[in-house]
């Protein structure tokens, strides 16, 4: 991943633009964790812990 950030920084000349893929992957991962947790809670008939 660091090689990709370095390549993008070199090509674009901007460090914030090079970090955008990392931010996007982090956001997608967070959404997947929330979605899978919600789905498993509904499938198992269990109540969420934050009650």
PDB file of N, CA and C in Angstrom:
ATOM      1  N   UNK A   1       0.821  -1.184   0.000  1.00  0.00           N
ATOM      2  CA  UNK A   1       0.000   0.000   0.000  1.00  0.00           C
ATOM      3  C   UNK A   1       0.870   1.254   0.000  1.00  0.00           C
ATOM      4  N   UNK A   2       1.972   1.239   0.711  1.00  0.00           N
ATOM      5  CA  UNK A   2       2.824   2.427   0.753  1.00  0.00           C
ATOM      6  C   UNK A   2       3.429   2.720  -0.620  1.00  0.00           C
ATOM      7  N   UNK A   3       3.703   1.678  -1.407  1.00  0.00           N
ATOM      8  CA  UNK A   3       4.225   1.908  -2.758  1.00  0.00           C
ATOM      9  C   UNK A   3       3.176   2.597  -3.625  1.00  0.00           C
ATOM     10  N   UNK A   4       1.913   2.223  -3.446  1.00  0.00           N
ATOM     11  CA  UNK A   4       0.832   2.852  -4.199  1.00  0.00           C
ATOM     12  C   UNK A   4       0.694   4.324  -3.821  1.00  0.00           C
ATOM     13  N   UNK A   5       0.794   4.621  -2.541  1.00  0.00           N
ATOM     14  CA  UNK A   5       0.708   6.018  -2.097  1.00  0.00           C
ATOM     15  C   UNK A   5       1.881   6.824  -2.660  1.00  0.00           C
ATOM     16  N   UNK A   6       3.058   6.251  -2.625  1.00  0.00           N
ATOM     17  CA  UNK A   6       4.226   6.930  -3.188  1.00  0.00           C
ATOM     18  C   UNK A   6       4.087   7.174  -4.679  1.00  0.00           C
ATOM     19  N   UNK A   7       3.579   6.176  -5.391  1.00  0.00           N
ATOM     20  CA  UNK A   7       3.378   6.321  -6.834  1.00  0.00           C
ATOM     21  C   UNK A   7       2.360   7.418  -7.131  1.00  0.00           C
ATOM     22  N   UNK A   8       1.229   7.396  -6.409  1.00  0.00           N
ATOM     23  CA  UNK A   8       0.205   8.408  -6.640  1.00  0.00           C
ATOM     24  C   UNK A   8       0.691   9.808  -6.279  1.00  0.00           C
ATOM     25  N   UNK A   9       1.485   9.913  -5.211  1.00  0.00           N
ATOM     26  CA  UNK A   9       2.034  11.223  -4.833  1.00  0.00           C
ATOM     27  C   UNK A   9       2.969  11.727  -5.929  1.00  0.00           C
ATOM     28  N   UNK A  10       3.767  10.832  -6.465  1.00  0.00           N
ATOM     29  CA  UNK A  10       4.698  11.220  -7.529  1.00  0.00           C
ATOM     30  C   UNK A  10       3.945  11.650  -8.784  1.00  0.00           C
ATOM     31  N   UNK A  11       2.900  10.917  -9.152  1.00  0.00           N
ATOM     32  CA  UNK A  11       2.155  11.215 -10.370  1.00  0.00           C
ATOM     33  C   UNK A  11       1.285  12.462 -10.247  1.00  0.00           C
ATOM     34  N   UNK A  12       0.656  12.645  -9.093  1.00  0.00           N
ATOM     35  CA  UNK A  12      -0.245  13.783  -8.932  1.00  0.00           C
ATOM     36  C   UNK A  12       0.453  15.010  -8.356  1.00  0.00           C
ATOM     37  N   UNK A  13       1.541  14.807  -7.636  1.00  0.00           N
ATOM     38  CA  UNK A  13       2.233  15.926  -7.002  1.00  0.00           C
ATOM     39  C   UNK A  13       1.547  16.408  -5.744  1.00  0.00           C
ATOM     40  N   UNK A  14       0.592  15.619  -5.260  1.00  0.00           N
ATOM     41  CA  UNK A  14      -0.174  16.029  -4.095  1.00  0.00           C
ATOM     42  C   UNK A  14      -0.308  14.860  -3.128  1.00  0.00           C
ATOM     43  N   UNK A  15       0.091  15.078  -1.893  1.00  0.00           N
ATOM     44  CA  UNK A  15      -0.026  14.019  -0.900  1.00  0.00           C
ATOM     45  C   UNK A  15      -1.466  13.741  -0.495  1.00  0.00           C
ATOM     46  N   UNK A  16      -2.326  14.765  -0.302  1.00  0.00           N
ATOM     47  CA  UNK A  16      -3.724  14.480   0.040  1.00  0.00           C
ATOM     48  C   UNK A  16      -4.445  13.649  -1.020  1.00  0.00           C
ATOM     49  N   UNK A  17      -4.171  13.912  -2.289  1.00  0.00           N
ATOM     50  CA  UNK A  17      -4.800  13.119  -3.357  1.00  0.00           C
ATOM     51  C   UNK A  17      -4.310  11.677  -3.290  1.00  0.00           C
ATOM     52  N   UNK A  18      -3.063  11.480  -2.927  1.00  0.00           N
ATOM     53  CA  UNK A  18      -2.514  10.127  -2.825  1.00  0.00           C
ATOM     54  C   UNK A  18      -3.151   9.346  -1.677  1.00  0.00           C
ATOM     55  N   UNK A  19      -3.653  10.047  -0.658  1.00  0.00           N
ATOM     56  CA  UNK A  19      -4.284   9.370   0.478  1.00  0.00           C
ATOM     57  C   UNK A  19      -5.755   9.030   0.246  1.00  0.00           C
ATOM     58  N   UNK A  20      -6.360   9.541  -0.801  1.00  0.00           N
ATOM     59  CA  UNK A  20      -7.773   9.281  -1.065  1.00  0.00           C
ATOM     60  C   UNK A  20      -8.101   7.788  -1.187  1.00  0.00           C
ATOM     61  N   UNK A  21      -7.309   6.976  -1.902  1.00  0.00           N
ATOM     62  CA  UNK A  21      -7.643   5.542  -1.949  1.00  0.00           C
ATOM     63  C   UNK A  21      -7.618   4.885  -0.568  1.00  0.00           C
ATOM     64  N   UNK A  22      -6.698   5.289   0.276  1.00  0.00           N
ATOM     65  CA  UNK A  22      -6.627   4.742   1.631  1.00  0.00           C
ATOM     66  C   UNK A  22      -7.870   5.130   2.427  1.00  0.00           C
ATOM     67  N   UNK A  23      -8.314   6.359   2.300  1.00  0.00           N
ATOM     68  CA  UNK A  23      -9.536   6.805   2.978  1.00  0.00           C
ATOM     69  C   UNK A  23     -10.753   6.059   2.458  1.00  0.00           C
ATOM     70  N   UNK A  24     -10.814   5.852   1.152  1.00  0.00           N
ATOM     71  CA  UNK A  24     -11.950   5.147   0.560  1.00  0.00           C
ATOM     72  C   UNK A  24     -11.994   3.701   1.047  1.00  0.00           C
ATOM     73  N   UNK A  25     -10.857   3.029   1.088  1.00  0.00           N
ATOM     74  CA  UNK A  25     -10.821   1.644   1.563  1.00  0.00           C
ATOM     75  C   UNK A  25     -11.219   1.547   3.031  1.00  0.00           C
ATOM     76  N   UNK A  26     -10.809   2.511   3.829  1.00  0.00           N
ATOM     77  CA  UNK A  26     -11.182   2.534   5.241  1.00  0.00           C
ATOM     78  C   UNK A  26     -12.687   2.712   5.406  1.00  0.00           C
ATOM     79  N   UNK A  27     -13.267   3.613   4.633  1.00  0.00           N
ATOM     80  CA  UNK A  27     -14.710   3.840   4.705  1.00  0.00           C
ATOM     81  C   UNK A  27     -15.489   2.602   4.264  1.00  0.00           C
ATOM     82  N   UNK A  28     -15.044   1.956   3.197  1.00  0.00           N
ATOM     83  CA  UNK A  28     -15.704   0.732   2.726  1.00  0.00           C
ATOM     84  C   UNK A  28     -15.607  -0.359   3.777  1.00  0.00           C
ATOM     85  N   UNK A  29     -14.452  -0.494   4.410  1.00  0.00           N
ATOM     86  CA  UNK A  29     -14.287  -1.498   5.461  1.00  0.00           C
ATOM     87  C   UNK A  29     -15.209  -1.243   6.643  1.00  0.00           C
ATOM     88  N   UNK A  30     -15.351   0.008   7.043  1.00  0.00           N
ATOM     89  CA  UNK A  30     -16.260   0.346   8.151  1.00  0.00           C
ATOM     90  C   UNK A  30     -17.701   0.011   7.807  1.00  0.00           C
ATOM     91  N   UNK A  31     -18.105   0.330   6.586  1.00  0.00           N
ATOM     92  CA  UNK A  31     -19.476   0.023   6.178  1.00  0.00           C
ATOM     93  C   UNK A  31     -19.721  -1.486   6.149  1.00  0.00           C
ATOM     94  N   UNK A  32     -18.736  -2.248   5.691  1.00  0.00           N
ATOM     95  CA  UNK A  32     -18.880  -3.703   5.665  1.00  0.00           C
ATOM     96  C   UNK A  32     -19.005  -4.280   7.068  1.00  0.00           C
ATOM     97  N   UNK A  33     -18.213  -3.784   7.999  1.00  0.00           N
ATOM     98  CA  UNK A  33     -18.291  -4.269   9.381  1.00  0.00           C
ATOM     99  C   UNK A  33     -19.668  -3.989   9.959  1.00  0.00           C
ATOM    100  N   UNK A  34     -20.184  -2.788   9.749  1.00  0.00           N
ATOM    101  CA  UNK A  34     -21.502  -2.449  10.260  1.00  0.00           C
ATOM    102  C   UNK A  34     -22.593  -3.284   9.596  1.00  0.00           C
ATOM    103  N   UNK A  35     -22.508  -3.474   8.297  1.00  0.00           N
ATOM    104  CA  UNK A  35     -23.502  -4.248   7.570  1.00  0.00           C
ATOM    105  C   UNK A  35     -23.496  -5.711   8.005  1.00  0.00           C
ATOM    106  N   UNK A  36     -22.323  -6.301   8.123  1.00  0.00           N
ATOM    107  CA  UNK A  36     -22.232  -7.713   8.522  1.00  0.00           C
ATOM    108  C   UNK A  36     -22.715  -7.896   9.952  1.00  0.00           C
ATOM    109  N   UNK A  37     -22.380  -6.972  10.835  1.00  0.00           N
ATOM    110  CA  UNK A  37     -22.852  -7.059  12.214  1.00  0.00           C
ATOM    111  C   UNK A  37     -24.356  -6.942  12.302  1.00  0.00           C
ATOM    112  N   UNK A  38     -24.935  -6.043  11.525  1.00  0.00           N
ATOM    113  CA  UNK A  38     -26.390  -5.871  11.523  1.00  0.00           C
ATOM    114  C   UNK A  38     -27.071  -7.120  10.960  1.00  0.00           C
ATOM    115  N   UNK A  39     -26.514  -7.652   9.889  1.00  0.00           N
ATOM    116  CA  UNK A  39     -27.097  -8.835   9.260  1.00  0.00           C
ATOM    117  C   UNK A  39     -27.029 -10.035  10.192  1.00  0.00           C
ATOM    118  N   UNK A  40     -25.906 -10.232  10.858  1.00  0.00           N
ATOM    119  CA  UNK A  40     -25.766 -11.361  11.770  1.00  0.00           C
ATOM    120  C   UNK A  40     -26.702 -11.235  12.962  1.00  0.00           C
ATOM    121  N   UNK A  41     -26.906 -10.014  13.431  1.00  0.00           N
ATOM    122  CA  UNK A  41     -27.819  -9.798  14.554  1.00  0.00           C
ATOM    123  C   UNK A  41     -29.241 -10.175  14.152  1.00  0.00           C
ATOM    124  N   UNK A  42     -29.648  -9.781  12.964  1.00  0.00           N
ATOM    125  CA  UNK A  42     -31.007 -10.095  12.508  1.00  0.00           C
ATOM    126  C   UNK A  42     -31.170 -11.582  12.209  1.00  0.00           C
ATOM    127  N   UNK A  43     -30.143 -12.228  11.666  1.00  0.00           N
ATOM    128  CA  UNK A  43     -30.245 -13.641  11.303  1.00  0.00           C
ATOM    129  C   UNK A  43     -30.297 -14.536  12.540  1.00  0.00           C
ATOM    130  N   UNK A  44     -29.580 -14.157  13.571  1.00  0.00           N
ATOM    131  CA  UNK A  44     -29.516 -14.978  14.777  1.00  0.00           C
ATOM    132  C   UNK A  44     -30.640 -14.673  15.754  1.00  0.00           C
ATOM    133  N   UNK A  45     -31.391 -13.643  15.505  1.00  0.00           N
ATOM    134  CA  UNK A  45     -32.473 -13.272  16.390  1.00  0.00           C
ATOM    135  C   UNK A  45     -31.993 -12.695  17.712  1.00  0.00           C
ATOM    136  N   UNK A  46     -30.740 -12.330  17.762  1.00  0.00           N
ATOM    137  CA  UNK A  46     -30.182 -11.770  18.995  1.00  0.00           C
ATOM    138  C   UNK A  46     -30.412 -10.273  19.044  1.00  0.00           C
ATOM    139  N   UNK A  47     -30.459  -9.754  20.242  1.00  0.00           N
ATOM    140  CA  UNK A  47     -30.574  -8.310  20.404  1.00  0.00           C
ATOM    141  C   UNK A  47     -29.188  -7.700  20.372  1.00  0.00           C
ATOM    142  N   UNK A  48     -29.052  -6.480  19.868  1.00  0.00           N
ATOM    143  CA  UNK A  48     -27.750  -5.811  19.864  1.00  0.00           C
ATOM    144  C   UNK A  48     -27.251  -5.550  21.286  1.00  0.00           C
ATOM    145  N   UNK A  49     -25.967  -5.469  21.447  1.00  0.00           N
ATOM    146  CA  UNK A  49     -25.376  -5.280  22.774  1.00  0.00           C
ATOM    147  C   UNK A  49     -25.659  -3.884  23.336  1.00  0.00           C
ATOM    148  N   UNK A  50     -25.812  -2.898  22.482  1.00  0.00           N
ATOM    149  CA  UNK A  50     -25.987  -1.504  22.942  1.00  0.00           C
ATOM    150  C   UNK A  50     -27.456  -1.234  23.230  1.00  0.00           C
ATOM    151  N   UNK A  51     -27.985  -1.889  24.221  1.00  0.00           N
ATOM    152  CA  UNK A  51     -29.395  -1.681  24.592  1.00  0.00           C
ATOM    153  C   UNK A  51     -29.507  -1.064  25.943  1.00  0.00           C
TER     154      UNK A  51
END
